[in-house]
Amino acid sequence: MQTNDAEVLAFLTENMDIHLKLCLDQQHPSGWSEVRSKVDYDLWIVLNGKIRISYRKTAYTLLPGDMFLIYPQEKYEALNIGAPNENCH
């Protein structure tokens, strides 16, 4: 039996509670990068632009509509790899 992402998300949301501590709407200019880890889970939702995240020895390219979950205390590196003068948001 195969499940799709929507079915998995529906199952998870029926069986867990999510409490948000902070919600930010951030834009980063061309060339922006950061290397860090966070104390809590961090959920990224890409609205526009193109972001490269290196996480757990794997590089991911995030595009508009993508979501990415970072576990607590896990180091990641993020970089705006969009077109010149294009913000990622």
Protein backbone atom coordinates (compact mmCIF):
# COMPACT_ATOMS: atom_id res chain seq x y z
CA MET A 1 0.00 0.00 0.00
CA GLN A 2 1.36 3.37 -1.02
CA THR A 3 0.54 6.59 0.78
CA ASN A 4 0.97 10.10 -0.51
CA ASP A 5 2.20 13.14 1.41
CA ALA A 6 -1.33 14.43 2.03
CA GLU A 7 -2.38 11.13 3.66
CA VAL A 8 0.70 11.12 5.89
CA LEU A 9 0.09 14.73 6.91
CA ALA A 10 -3.58 14.00 7.63
CA PHE A 11 -2.61 11.05 9.84
CA LEU A 12 -0.01 13.07 11.73
CA THR A 13 -2.27 16.04 12.37
CA GLU A 14 -5.00 13.78 13.75
CA ASN A 15 -2.58 12.21 16.22
CA MET A 16 -0.46 15.07 17.54
CA ASP A 17 -0.68 18.54 18.99
CA ILE A 18 1.58 21.29 17.70
CA HIS A 19 2.26 24.38 19.78
CA LEU A 20 4.02 27.30 18.12
CA LYS A 21 6.42 29.40 20.16
CA LEU A 22 7.32 31.78 17.37
CA CYS A 23 6.26 32.45 13.79
CA LEU A 24 8.40 34.64 11.54
CA ASP A 25 7.99 35.90 8.00
CA GLN A 26 11.55 36.50 6.82
CA GLN A 27 13.10 37.51 3.53
CA HIS A 28 16.80 37.06 2.79
CA PRO A 29 18.73 38.85 0.05
CA SER A 30 20.79 37.26 -2.68
CA GLY A 31 23.99 35.82 -1.18
CA TRP A 32 22.51 35.35 2.32
CA SER A 33 23.72 32.36 4.28
CA GLU A 34 23.72 31.05 7.84
CA VAL A 35 25.23 28.13 9.72
CA ARG A 36 23.64 27.27 13.05
CA SER A 37 21.54 24.95 15.17
CA LYS A 38 18.37 25.76 17.09
CA VAL A 39 17.07 24.76 20.51
CA ASP A 40 13.62 23.75 19.21
CA TYR A 41 12.22 22.22 16.03
CA ASP A 42 12.32 24.67 13.13
CA LEU A 43 9.86 24.41 10.23
CA TRP A 44 10.74 26.30 7.06
CA ILE A 45 8.12 26.99 4.39
CA VAL A 46 9.51 28.51 1.18
CA LEU A 47 7.23 31.09 -0.46
CA ASN A 48 9.58 32.27 -3.22
CA GLY A 49 13.21 32.02 -4.24
CA LYS A 50 15.54 29.05 -3.99
CA ILE A 51 17.35 27.86 -0.84
CA ARG A 52 20.05 25.22 -0.48
CA ILE A 53 20.12 23.52 2.94
CA SER A 54 22.90 21.16 3.99
CA TYR A 55 21.57 19.02 6.82
CA ARG A 56 22.76 15.69 8.20
CA LYS A 57 25.40 15.33 5.45
CA THR A 58 22.86 15.82 2.65
CA ALA A 59 22.19 18.91 0.50
CA TYR A 60 18.58 19.80 -0.34
CA THR A 61 17.26 22.43 -2.74
CA LEU A 62 14.07 24.07 -1.51
CA LEU A 63 11.68 25.74 -3.96
CA PRO A 64 8.42 27.65 -3.46
CA GLY A 65 5.87 25.39 -1.77
CA ASP A 66 8.49 23.18 -0.08
CA MET A 67 8.57 22.61 3.67
CA PHE A 68 11.63 21.51 5.64
CA LEU A 69 11.76 20.37 9.29
CA ILE A 70 14.98 20.80 11.27
CA TYR A 71 15.34 18.84 14.51
CA PRO A 72 16.55 20.51 17.73
CA GLN A 73 20.32 20.78 18.25
CA GLU A 74 21.00 19.73 14.62
CA LYS A 75 23.50 21.90 12.74
CA TYR A 76 22.47 23.10 9.29
CA GLU A 77 23.81 25.43 6.64
CA ALA A 78 21.41 27.48 4.51
CA LEU A 79 22.16 29.59 1.44
CA ASN A 80 20.03 31.68 -0.91
CA ILE A 81 20.89 30.23 -4.34
CA GLY A 82 18.25 32.13 -6.30
CA ALA A 83 18.90 34.50 -9.16
CA PRO A 84 21.01 37.61 -8.50
CA ASN A 85 18.97 40.28 -6.68
CA GLU A 86 16.24 37.73 -5.84
CA ASN A 87 15.16 37.44 -2.21
CA CYS A 88 14.21 34.11 -0.75
CA HIS A 89 11.07 34.23 1.37
